[in-house]
Amino acid sequence: MKLRRILAVWAAKCAEKVSVHVFHRQGVTWAGRIALKICPNILSELAGQVREHIFIVCGTNGKTTTNNMLCAALEAEGKKVVCIVSGGNIDVTSLNRVITRGLVKNGRDCTVTVILSDKPGQLSKVCSVIGDLGANILAVEHKRNSSNTEINGCKLHIEMETRNQEHIEQVKKGLRDAGFQVEN
């Protein structure tokens, strides 16, 4: 089945490119129909590759009925689905919020606050502990003017990608074991 799925994806991509370049249309309908003809269960096969079982379905070019049918089918399979039922394209900001909340809920994205001495090398040490434990730092906010730290102290707000809630706790423990005060 893997070969059939690969062929279906390849054929769908080719159909989409031909439609765009030759007929000056989006071509997603053709692409989907071709993929389904080659591999009728391609949607369930591709869905099985999603790590956290997240499905995002939104209508394109007024295809709200198709959108609603897909949502109903996924819900019938016991999947949690967010479905825009009133037509129109999903707002990018709303989509970002849905994805971010899912990542936070599953422990894949978190923010940790570390209180430390404001002296050379401290930020580097914190980053080393986090990196050694396999988390990926996305953003660091270094705040020196926090009213609830020592006069020579600062707060680091660190946003990072993690594997799950257990991994978050491992990172916090690692920071504490290295002598840093973790606030949350």
N, C-alpha and C. Protein backbone atom coordinates (compact mmCIF):
# COMPACT_ATOMS: atom_id res chain seq x y z
N MET A 1 0.81 -1.21 0.00
CA MET A 1 0.00 0.00 0.00
C MET A 1 0.85 1.27 0.00
N LYS A 2 2.06 1.17 0.51
CA LYS A 2 2.91 2.36 0.57
C LYS A 2 3.21 2.88 -0.83
N LEU A 3 3.51 1.98 -1.77
CA LEU A 3 3.79 2.37 -3.14
C LEU A 3 2.58 3.05 -3.77
N ARG A 4 1.40 2.49 -3.52
CA ARG A 4 0.17 3.06 -4.05
C ARG A 4 -0.06 4.48 -3.49
N ARG A 5 0.20 4.65 -2.19
CA ARG A 5 0.03 5.96 -1.56
C ARG A 5 1.02 6.96 -2.15
N ILE A 6 2.27 6.55 -2.32
CA ILE A 6 3.27 7.45 -2.90
C ILE A 6 2.87 7.85 -4.31
N LEU A 7 2.40 6.89 -5.11
CA LEU A 7 1.95 7.17 -6.46
C LEU A 7 0.76 8.14 -6.45
N ALA A 8 -0.17 7.94 -5.52
CA ALA A 8 -1.34 8.81 -5.43
C ALA A 8 -0.94 10.24 -5.09
N VAL A 9 -0.04 10.41 -4.15
CA VAL A 9 0.42 11.76 -3.77
C VAL A 9 1.15 12.41 -4.94
N TRP A 10 2.02 11.65 -5.60
CA TRP A 10 2.77 12.17 -6.73
C TRP A 10 1.83 12.60 -7.85
N ALA A 11 0.85 11.75 -8.18
CA ALA A 11 -0.10 12.05 -9.25
C ALA A 11 -0.95 13.28 -8.91
N ALA A 12 -1.35 13.40 -7.65
CA ALA A 12 -2.14 14.55 -7.22
C ALA A 12 -1.33 15.84 -7.36
N LYS A 13 -0.07 15.80 -6.97
CA LYS A 13 0.78 16.99 -7.10
C LYS A 13 0.97 17.37 -8.56
N CYS A 14 1.16 16.39 -9.42
CA CYS A 14 1.30 16.67 -10.85
C CYS A 14 0.01 17.26 -11.42
N ALA A 15 -1.13 16.70 -11.05
CA ALA A 15 -2.42 17.20 -11.54
C ALA A 15 -2.63 18.65 -11.10
N GLU A 16 -2.25 18.95 -9.88
CA GLU A 16 -2.40 20.32 -9.38
C GLU A 16 -1.52 21.28 -10.17
N LYS A 17 -0.27 20.88 -10.44
CA LYS A 17 0.66 21.74 -11.20
C LYS A 17 0.15 21.96 -12.62
N VAL A 18 -0.33 20.90 -13.28
CA VAL A 18 -0.86 21.03 -14.64
C VAL A 18 -2.05 21.98 -14.64
N SER A 19 -2.94 21.81 -13.67
CA SER A 19 -4.13 22.64 -13.60
C SER A 19 -3.76 24.11 -13.42
N VAL A 20 -2.80 24.38 -12.57
CA VAL A 20 -2.39 25.77 -12.31
C VAL A 20 -1.71 26.37 -13.53
N HIS A 21 -0.77 25.64 -14.13
CA HIS A 21 0.04 26.21 -15.21
C HIS A 21 -0.62 26.17 -16.58
N VAL A 22 -1.45 25.16 -16.84
CA VAL A 22 -2.09 25.04 -18.14
C VAL A 22 -3.48 25.69 -18.15
N PHE A 23 -4.28 25.37 -17.15
CA PHE A 23 -5.67 25.85 -17.13
C PHE A 23 -5.88 27.07 -16.24
N HIS A 24 -4.82 27.49 -15.55
CA HIS A 24 -4.88 28.66 -14.66
C HIS A 24 -5.99 28.54 -13.62
N ARG A 25 -6.10 27.36 -13.05
CA ARG A 25 -7.05 27.08 -11.96
C ARG A 25 -6.27 26.46 -10.81
N GLN A 26 -6.89 26.43 -9.64
CA GLN A 26 -6.21 25.88 -8.48
C GLN A 26 -5.95 24.39 -8.60
N GLY A 27 -6.87 23.63 -9.08
CA GLY A 27 -6.64 22.22 -9.34
C GLY A 27 -6.72 21.29 -8.14
N VAL A 28 -7.16 21.78 -7.00
CA VAL A 28 -7.19 20.90 -5.83
C VAL A 28 -8.26 19.83 -5.92
N THR A 29 -9.36 20.11 -6.59
CA THR A 29 -10.42 19.12 -6.74
C THR A 29 -9.94 17.95 -7.59
N TRP A 30 -9.33 18.26 -8.72
CA TRP A 30 -8.76 17.22 -9.59
C TRP A 30 -7.75 16.40 -8.84
N ALA A 31 -6.86 17.09 -8.18
CA ALA A 31 -5.78 16.40 -7.46
C ALA A 31 -6.35 15.42 -6.44
N GLY A 32 -7.33 15.85 -5.68
CA GLY A 32 -7.94 14.99 -4.68
C GLY A 32 -8.64 13.79 -5.28
N ARG A 33 -9.36 14.02 -6.37
CA ARG A 33 -10.07 12.92 -7.02
C ARG A 33 -9.10 11.89 -7.60
N ILE A 34 -8.03 12.37 -8.19
CA ILE A 34 -7.03 11.46 -8.76
C ILE A 34 -6.39 10.63 -7.65
N ALA A 35 -6.02 11.28 -6.55
CA ALA A 35 -5.40 10.57 -5.43
C ALA A 35 -6.35 9.51 -4.88
N LEU A 36 -7.62 9.84 -4.76
CA LEU A 36 -8.60 8.88 -4.23
C LEU A 36 -8.84 7.71 -5.19
N LYS A 37 -8.75 7.95 -6.50
CA LYS A 37 -8.91 6.87 -7.46
C LYS A 37 -7.75 5.89 -7.36
N ILE A 38 -6.55 6.41 -7.21
CA ILE A 38 -5.36 5.56 -7.14
C ILE A 38 -5.29 4.81 -5.81
N CYS A 39 -5.60 5.53 -4.74
CA CYS A 39 -5.51 4.95 -3.39
C CYS A 39 -6.73 5.37 -2.60
N PRO A 40 -7.83 4.60 -2.65
CA PRO A 40 -9.09 5.00 -2.02
C PRO A 40 -9.01 5.31 -0.52
N ASN A 41 -8.07 4.72 0.19
CA ASN A 41 -7.96 4.98 1.63
C ASN A 41 -6.78 5.91 1.96
N ILE A 42 -6.41 6.76 1.02
CA ILE A 42 -5.25 7.64 1.22
C ILE A 42 -5.45 8.59 2.41
N LEU A 43 -6.67 9.07 2.61
CA LEU A 43 -6.89 10.01 3.72
C LEU A 43 -6.62 9.35 5.06
N SER A 44 -7.10 8.14 5.24
CA SER A 44 -6.87 7.46 6.52
C SER A 44 -5.40 7.08 6.67
N GLU A 45 -4.74 6.72 5.57
CA GLU A 45 -3.31 6.38 5.63
C GLU A 45 -2.48 7.61 6.00
N LEU A 46 -2.76 8.73 5.36
CA LEU A 46 -2.01 9.95 5.68
C LEU A 46 -2.33 10.45 7.08
N ALA A 47 -3.58 10.31 7.48
CA ALA A 47 -3.97 10.73 8.83
C ALA A 47 -3.23 9.91 9.88
N GLY A 48 -2.93 8.66 9.58
CA GLY A 48 -2.20 7.81 10.51
C GLY A 48 -0.78 8.27 10.74
N GLN A 49 -0.27 9.14 9.88
CA GLN A 49 1.09 9.65 10.02
C GLN A 49 1.16 10.89 10.91
N VAL A 50 0.02 11.46 11.25
CA VAL A 50 -0.01 12.65 12.10
C VAL A 50 0.30 12.23 13.52
N ARG A 51 1.34 12.84 14.11
CA ARG A 51 1.82 12.42 15.43
C ARG A 51 0.81 12.64 16.54
N GLU A 52 0.21 13.78 16.58
CA GLU A 52 -0.65 14.13 17.71
C GLU A 52 -2.13 14.07 17.37
N HIS A 53 -2.48 13.45 16.28
CA HIS A 53 -3.88 13.29 15.88
C HIS A 53 -4.61 14.62 15.80
N ILE A 54 -4.02 15.57 15.09
CA ILE A 54 -4.63 16.88 14.90
C ILE A 54 -5.14 16.95 13.47
N PHE A 55 -6.40 17.35 13.31
CA PHE A 55 -6.98 17.51 12.00
C PHE A 55 -7.52 18.93 11.89
N ILE A 56 -7.15 19.61 10.83
CA ILE A 56 -7.66 20.95 10.59
C ILE A 56 -8.33 20.90 9.22
N VAL A 57 -9.61 21.22 9.18
CA VAL A 57 -10.37 21.19 7.94
C VAL A 57 -11.02 22.54 7.76
N CYS A 58 -10.79 23.15 6.60
CA CYS A 58 -11.49 24.40 6.32
C CYS A 58 -11.87 24.41 4.85
N GLY A 59 -12.94 25.11 4.53
CA GLY A 59 -13.41 25.17 3.17
C GLY A 59 -12.51 26.06 2.32
N THR A 60 -12.46 25.75 1.03
CA THR A 60 -11.72 26.59 0.10
C THR A 60 -12.64 26.95 -1.05
N ASN A 61 -12.59 28.19 -1.46
CA ASN A 61 -13.39 28.65 -2.59
C ASN A 61 -14.87 28.30 -2.45
N GLY A 62 -15.39 28.43 -1.23
CA GLY A 62 -16.82 28.20 -1.02
C GLY A 62 -17.22 26.75 -0.92
N LYS A 63 -16.31 25.85 -0.70
CA LYS A 63 -16.63 24.43 -0.61
C LYS A 63 -17.06 24.04 0.80
N THR A 64 -17.96 24.82 1.36
CA THR A 64 -18.37 24.61 2.74
C THR A 64 -19.05 23.25 2.94
N THR A 65 -19.82 22.80 1.97
CA THR A 65 -20.50 21.52 2.11
C THR A 65 -19.49 20.38 2.22
N THR A 66 -18.47 20.41 1.36
CA THR A 66 -17.41 19.39 1.43
C THR A 66 -16.71 19.47 2.78
N ASN A 67 -16.44 20.67 3.20
CA ASN A 67 -15.80 20.89 4.50
C ASN A 67 -16.63 20.26 5.62
N ASN A 68 -17.91 20.52 5.61
CA ASN A 68 -18.79 20.00 6.66
C ASN A 68 -18.89 18.47 6.60
N MET A 69 -18.88 17.91 5.41
CA MET A 69 -18.92 16.45 5.27
C MET A 69 -17.64 15.82 5.84
N LEU A 70 -16.49 16.43 5.54
CA LEU A 70 -15.23 15.92 6.09
C LEU A 70 -15.23 15.99 7.61
N CYS A 71 -15.70 17.10 8.14
CA CYS A 71 -15.77 17.25 9.60
C CYS A 71 -16.66 16.17 10.21
N ALA A 72 -17.81 15.94 9.60
CA ALA A 72 -18.74 14.94 10.12
C ALA A 72 -18.11 13.54 10.06
N ALA A 73 -17.41 13.25 8.98
CA ALA A 73 -16.76 11.93 8.85
C ALA A 73 -15.69 11.75 9.92
N LEU A 74 -14.89 12.78 10.16
CA LEU A 74 -13.85 12.69 11.19
C LEU A 74 -14.46 12.56 12.58
N GLU A 75 -15.53 13.31 12.84
CA GLU A 75 -16.21 13.21 14.14
C GLU A 75 -16.80 11.82 14.34
N ALA A 76 -17.32 11.22 13.26
CA ALA A 76 -17.89 9.87 13.35
C ALA A 76 -16.81 8.84 13.69
N GLU A 77 -15.56 9.15 13.34
CA GLU A 77 -14.43 8.28 13.67
C GLU A 77 -13.91 8.54 15.09
N GLY A 78 -14.59 9.46 15.80
CA GLY A 78 -14.19 9.75 17.17
C GLY A 78 -13.10 10.80 17.28
N LYS A 79 -12.84 11.53 16.20
CA LYS A 79 -11.80 12.56 16.22
C LYS A 79 -12.38 13.87 16.75
N LYS A 80 -11.54 14.65 17.41
CA LYS A 80 -11.94 15.99 17.83
C LYS A 80 -11.70 16.92 16.65
N VAL A 81 -12.72 17.65 16.24
CA VAL A 81 -12.65 18.47 15.04
C VAL A 81 -13.14 19.87 15.34
N VAL A 82 -12.45 20.87 14.83
CA VAL A 82 -12.92 22.24 14.84
C VAL A 82 -13.37 22.52 13.42
N CYS A 83 -14.64 22.85 13.24
CA CYS A 83 -15.20 23.00 11.90
C CYS A 83 -15.84 24.37 11.75
N ILE A 84 -15.45 25.09 10.71
CA ILE A 84 -16.09 26.36 10.39
C ILE A 84 -17.31 26.02 9.54
N VAL A 85 -18.50 26.20 10.11
CA VAL A 85 -19.71 25.74 9.45
C VAL A 85 -20.46 26.84 8.71
N SER A 86 -20.04 28.08 8.85
CA SER A 86 -20.82 29.17 8.27
C SER A 86 -20.27 29.66 6.94
N GLY A 87 -19.26 29.01 6.41
CA GLY A 87 -18.68 29.46 5.15
C GLY A 87 -17.54 30.44 5.40
N GLY A 88 -16.86 30.76 4.36
CA GLY A 88 -15.74 31.68 4.48
C GLY A 88 -14.47 30.96 4.89
N ASN A 89 -13.35 31.56 4.60
CA ASN A 89 -12.07 30.96 4.95
C ASN A 89 -11.76 31.19 6.42
N ILE A 90 -11.04 30.26 7.00
CA ILE A 90 -10.68 30.38 8.40
C ILE A 90 -9.63 31.47 8.55
N ASP A 91 -9.81 32.29 9.54
CA ASP A 91 -8.88 33.37 9.83
C ASP A 91 -7.55 32.78 10.30
N VAL A 92 -6.45 33.28 9.76
CA VAL A 92 -5.12 32.76 10.10
C VAL A 92 -4.84 32.91 11.59
N THR A 93 -5.27 34.01 12.18
CA THR A 93 -5.06 34.22 13.62
C THR A 93 -5.80 33.17 14.43
N SER A 94 -7.03 32.87 14.06
CA SER A 94 -7.80 31.84 14.76
C SER A 94 -7.15 30.48 14.61
N LEU A 95 -6.69 30.18 13.40
CA LEU A 95 -6.03 28.90 13.15
C LEU A 95 -4.77 28.79 14.01
N ASN A 96 -4.00 29.86 14.10
CA ASN A 96 -2.79 29.87 14.94
C ASN A 96 -3.15 29.61 16.40
N ARG A 97 -4.22 30.21 16.88
CA ARG A 97 -4.63 30.00 18.27
C ARG A 97 -5.03 28.56 18.53
N VAL A 98 -5.75 27.96 17.58
CA VAL A 98 -6.16 26.56 17.73
C VAL A 98 -4.94 25.66 17.82
N ILE A 99 -4.00 25.86 16.90
CA ILE A 99 -2.79 25.02 16.88
C ILE A 99 -1.96 25.24 18.14
N THR A 100 -1.75 26.50 18.53
CA THR A 100 -0.94 26.80 19.70
C THR A 100 -1.55 26.20 20.96
N ARG A 101 -2.85 26.34 21.13
CA ARG A 101 -3.50 25.76 22.31
C ARG A 101 -3.34 24.24 22.34
N GLY A 102 -3.44 23.61 21.19
CA GLY A 102 -3.23 22.17 21.12
C GLY A 102 -1.82 21.77 21.50
N LEU A 103 -0.84 22.54 21.02
CA LEU A 103 0.56 22.25 21.36
C LEU A 103 0.81 22.43 22.85
N VAL A 104 0.27 23.49 23.44
CA VAL A 104 0.46 23.74 24.87
C VAL A 104 -0.22 22.64 25.68
N LYS A 105 -1.45 22.30 25.31
CA LYS A 105 -2.20 21.27 26.04
C LYS A 105 -1.48 19.93 26.03
N ASN A 106 -0.83 19.61 24.92
CA ASN A 106 -0.13 18.33 24.80
C ASN A 106 1.32 18.39 25.26
N GLY A 107 1.74 19.53 25.82
CA GLY A 107 3.10 19.63 26.32
C GLY A 107 4.14 19.77 25.24
N ARG A 108 3.75 20.18 24.06
CA ARG A 108 4.69 20.33 22.94
C ARG A 108 5.26 21.74 22.87
N ASP A 109 4.64 22.69 23.56
CA ASP A 109 5.10 24.08 23.60
C ASP A 109 4.85 24.58 25.01
N CYS A 110 5.85 25.21 25.61
CA CYS A 110 5.65 25.74 26.96
C CYS A 110 6.55 26.95 27.19
N THR A 111 6.22 27.71 28.20
CA THR A 111 7.05 28.83 28.63
C THR A 111 7.41 28.63 30.08
N VAL A 112 8.70 28.73 30.37
CA VAL A 112 9.22 28.55 31.72
C VAL A 112 9.90 29.85 32.13
N THR A 113 9.71 30.26 33.38
CA THR A 113 10.37 31.46 33.89
C THR A 113 11.46 31.04 34.87
N VAL A 114 12.66 31.54 34.62
CA VAL A 114 13.82 31.22 35.46
C VAL A 114 14.33 32.53 36.05
N ILE A 115 14.56 32.51 37.37
CA ILE A 115 15.15 33.68 38.05
C ILE A 115 16.61 33.36 38.29
N LEU A 116 17.48 34.30 37.89
CA LEU A 116 18.92 34.05 38.03
C LEU A 116 19.68 35.34 38.28
N SER A 117 20.93 35.21 38.64
CA SER A 117 21.82 36.35 38.83
C SER A 117 22.14 36.94 37.47
N ASP A 118 22.14 38.26 37.40
CA ASP A 118 22.43 38.94 36.15
C ASP A 118 23.93 39.13 36.02
N LYS A 119 24.61 38.07 35.59
CA LYS A 119 26.06 38.14 35.40
C LYS A 119 26.43 37.33 34.17
N PRO A 120 27.58 37.61 33.58
CA PRO A 120 27.98 36.93 32.34
C PRO A 120 27.98 35.41 32.49
N GLY A 121 27.48 34.74 31.46
CA GLY A 121 27.49 33.28 31.40
C GLY A 121 26.24 32.59 31.88
N GLN A 122 25.40 33.29 32.63
CA GLN A 122 24.21 32.64 33.18
C GLN A 122 23.22 32.22 32.10
N LEU A 123 22.98 33.08 31.14
CA LEU A 123 22.06 32.75 30.05
C LEU A 123 22.58 31.53 29.28
N SER A 124 23.86 31.51 29.02
CA SER A 124 24.48 30.39 28.32
C SER A 124 24.29 29.08 29.09
N LYS A 125 24.45 29.12 30.41
CA LYS A 125 24.29 27.91 31.23
C LYS A 125 22.85 27.40 31.17
N VAL A 126 21.90 28.33 31.27
CA VAL A 126 20.48 27.94 31.20
C VAL A 126 20.19 27.28 29.85
N CYS A 127 20.67 27.89 28.78
CA CYS A 127 20.44 27.35 27.44
C CYS A 127 21.08 25.98 27.28
N SER A 128 22.26 25.79 27.86
CA SER A 128 22.94 24.49 27.78
C SER A 128 22.13 23.40 28.47
N VAL A 129 21.61 23.70 29.66
CA VAL A 129 20.80 22.71 30.39
C VAL A 129 19.59 22.31 29.55
N ILE A 130 18.90 23.30 29.01
CA ILE A 130 17.69 23.03 28.21
C ILE A 130 18.05 22.22 26.96
N GLY A 131 19.12 22.62 26.27
CA GLY A 131 19.53 21.90 25.06
C GLY A 131 19.98 20.48 25.35
N ASP A 132 20.72 20.30 26.44
CA ASP A 132 21.19 18.96 26.81
C ASP A 132 20.03 18.01 27.12
N LEU A 133 18.91 18.58 27.56
CA LEU A 133 17.73 17.76 27.88
C LEU A 133 16.80 17.57 26.67
N GLY A 134 17.22 18.08 25.51
CA GLY A 134 16.48 17.81 24.27
C GLY A 134 15.34 18.74 23.96
N ALA A 135 15.22 19.86 24.68
CA ALA A 135 14.18 20.83 24.35
C ALA A 135 14.75 21.85 23.36
N ASN A 136 13.89 22.44 22.57
CA ASN A 136 14.30 23.41 21.56
C ASN A 136 13.80 24.80 21.96
N ILE A 137 14.71 25.74 22.17
CA ILE A 137 14.33 27.09 22.59
C ILE A 137 13.81 27.86 21.38
N LEU A 138 12.60 28.43 21.54
CA LEU A 138 11.99 29.22 20.48
C LEU A 138 12.18 30.71 20.70
N ALA A 139 12.11 31.15 21.97
CA ALA A 139 12.25 32.57 22.28
C ALA A 139 12.71 32.75 23.71
N VAL A 140 13.48 33.81 23.94
CA VAL A 140 13.95 34.15 25.28
C VAL A 140 13.69 35.63 25.51
N GLU A 141 13.03 35.93 26.62
CA GLU A 141 12.84 37.32 27.03
C GLU A 141 13.62 37.52 28.33
N HIS A 142 14.59 38.39 28.28
CA HIS A 142 15.50 38.64 29.41
C HIS A 142 15.04 39.94 30.07
N LYS A 143 14.49 39.85 31.30
CA LYS A 143 13.94 41.04 31.97
C LYS A 143 14.77 41.38 33.19
N ARG A 144 15.44 42.52 33.14
CA ARG A 144 16.27 42.97 34.25
C ARG A 144 15.50 43.82 35.24
N ASN A 145 14.42 44.41 34.84
CA ASN A 145 13.74 45.38 35.69
C ASN A 145 12.51 44.81 36.40
N SER A 146 12.54 43.55 36.72
CA SER A 146 11.42 42.94 37.44
C SER A 146 11.47 43.39 38.90
N SER A 147 10.34 43.81 39.43
CA SER A 147 10.29 44.32 40.80
C SER A 147 10.36 43.21 41.85
N ASN A 148 10.15 41.97 41.46
CA ASN A 148 10.16 40.89 42.44
C ASN A 148 11.37 39.96 42.29
N THR A 149 12.51 40.55 41.92
CA THR A 149 13.77 39.81 41.92
C THR A 149 14.78 40.62 42.74
N GLU A 150 15.90 39.97 43.09
CA GLU A 150 16.96 40.67 43.81
C GLU A 150 17.49 41.81 42.93
N ILE A 151 18.21 42.74 43.55
CA ILE A 151 18.71 43.90 42.81
C ILE A 151 19.63 43.50 41.66
N ASN A 152 20.40 42.43 41.82
CA ASN A 152 21.28 41.95 40.75
C ASN A 152 20.70 40.70 40.06
N GLY A 153 19.41 40.56 40.15
CA GLY A 153 18.75 39.40 39.55
C GLY A 153 17.99 39.78 38.29
N CYS A 154 17.56 38.79 37.57
CA CYS A 154 16.74 39.01 36.38
C CYS A 154 15.85 37.79 36.16
N LYS A 155 14.87 37.97 35.31
CA LYS A 155 13.98 36.87 34.95
C LYS A 155 14.16 36.53 33.48
N LEU A 156 14.17 35.25 33.20
CA LEU A 156 14.17 34.78 31.83
C LEU A 156 12.84 34.09 31.57
N HIS A 157 12.14 34.54 30.56
CA HIS A 157 10.94 33.84 30.11
C HIS A 157 11.37 33.08 28.86
N ILE A 158 11.34 31.76 28.94
CA ILE A 158 11.86 30.92 27.86
C ILE A 158 10.73 30.10 27.26
N GLU A 159 10.45 30.33 25.99
CA GLU A 159 9.47 29.52 25.27
C GLU A 159 10.23 28.42 24.56
N MET A 160 9.75 27.19 24.70
CA MET A 160 10.46 26.08 24.07
C MET A 160 9.52 24.99 23.57
N GLU A 161 10.03 24.23 22.61
CA GLU A 161 9.34 23.05 22.12
C GLU A 161 9.80 21.87 22.96
N THR A 162 8.83 21.08 23.39
CA THR A 162 9.13 19.90 24.20
C THR A 162 8.33 18.72 23.65
N ARG A 163 8.60 17.53 24.18
CA ARG A 163 7.93 16.33 23.68
C ARG A 163 6.56 16.12 24.30
N ASN A 164 6.44 16.41 25.60
CA ASN A 164 5.19 16.17 26.33
C ASN A 164 5.31 16.80 27.72
N GLN A 165 4.28 16.63 28.55
CA GLN A 165 4.29 17.22 29.90
C GLN A 165 5.44 16.67 30.74
N GLU A 166 5.69 15.39 30.60
CA GLU A 166 6.78 14.76 31.36
C GLU A 166 8.13 15.39 30.99
N HIS A 167 8.33 15.68 29.72
CA HIS A 167 9.56 16.32 29.27
C HIS A 167 9.70 17.72 29.86
N ILE A 168 8.59 18.45 29.95
CA ILE A 168 8.62 19.78 30.57
C ILE A 168 9.12 19.67 32.01
N GLU A 169 8.58 18.69 32.74
CA GLU A 169 9.00 18.51 34.13
C GLU A 169 10.47 18.11 34.23
N GLN A 170 10.96 17.32 33.28
CA GLN A 170 12.38 16.95 33.26
C GLN A 170 13.25 18.18 33.06
N VAL A 171 12.83 19.08 32.18
CA VAL A 171 13.60 20.31 31.93
C VAL A 171 13.60 21.18 33.18
N LYS A 172 12.45 21.34 33.82
CA LYS A 172 12.38 22.14 35.06
C LYS A 172 13.28 21.54 36.14
N LYS A 173 13.23 20.23 36.29
CA LYS A 173 14.07 19.56 37.29
C LYS A 173 15.55 19.76 36.95
N GLY A 174 15.90 19.64 35.68
CA GLY A 174 17.28 19.85 35.26
C GLY A 174 17.77 21.25 35.57
N LEU A 175 16.90 22.23 35.38
CA LEU A 175 17.27 23.62 35.70
C LEU A 175 17.45 23.78 37.21
N ARG A 176 16.54 23.20 37.98
CA ARG A 176 16.67 23.28 39.45
C ARG A 176 17.94 22.58 39.92
N ASP A 177 18.21 21.40 39.36
CA ASP A 177 19.41 20.65 39.74
C ASP A 177 20.69 21.42 39.40
N ALA A 178 20.62 22.28 38.38
CA ALA A 178 21.78 23.09 37.99
C ALA A 178 21.90 24.35 38.84
N GLY A 179 20.96 24.51 39.79
CA GLY A 179 21.04 25.65 40.71
C GLY A 179 20.20 26.86 40.34
N PHE A 180 19.34 26.71 39.35
CA PHE A 180 18.49 27.83 38.94
C PHE A 180 17.12 27.74 39.62
N GLN A 181 16.55 28.91 39.88
CA GLN A 181 15.22 28.97 40.48
C GLN A 181 14.19 29.03 39.37
N VAL A 182 13.30 28.04 39.30
CA VAL A 182 12.26 27.98 38.29
C VAL A 182 10.97 28.45 38.92
N GLU A 183 10.35 29.44 38.31
CA GLU A 183 9.16 30.07 38.89
C GLU A 183 7.87 29.30 38.58
N ASN A 184 7.75 28.72 37.43
CA ASN A 184 6.49 28.02 37.08
C ASN A 184 6.75 26.66 36.49
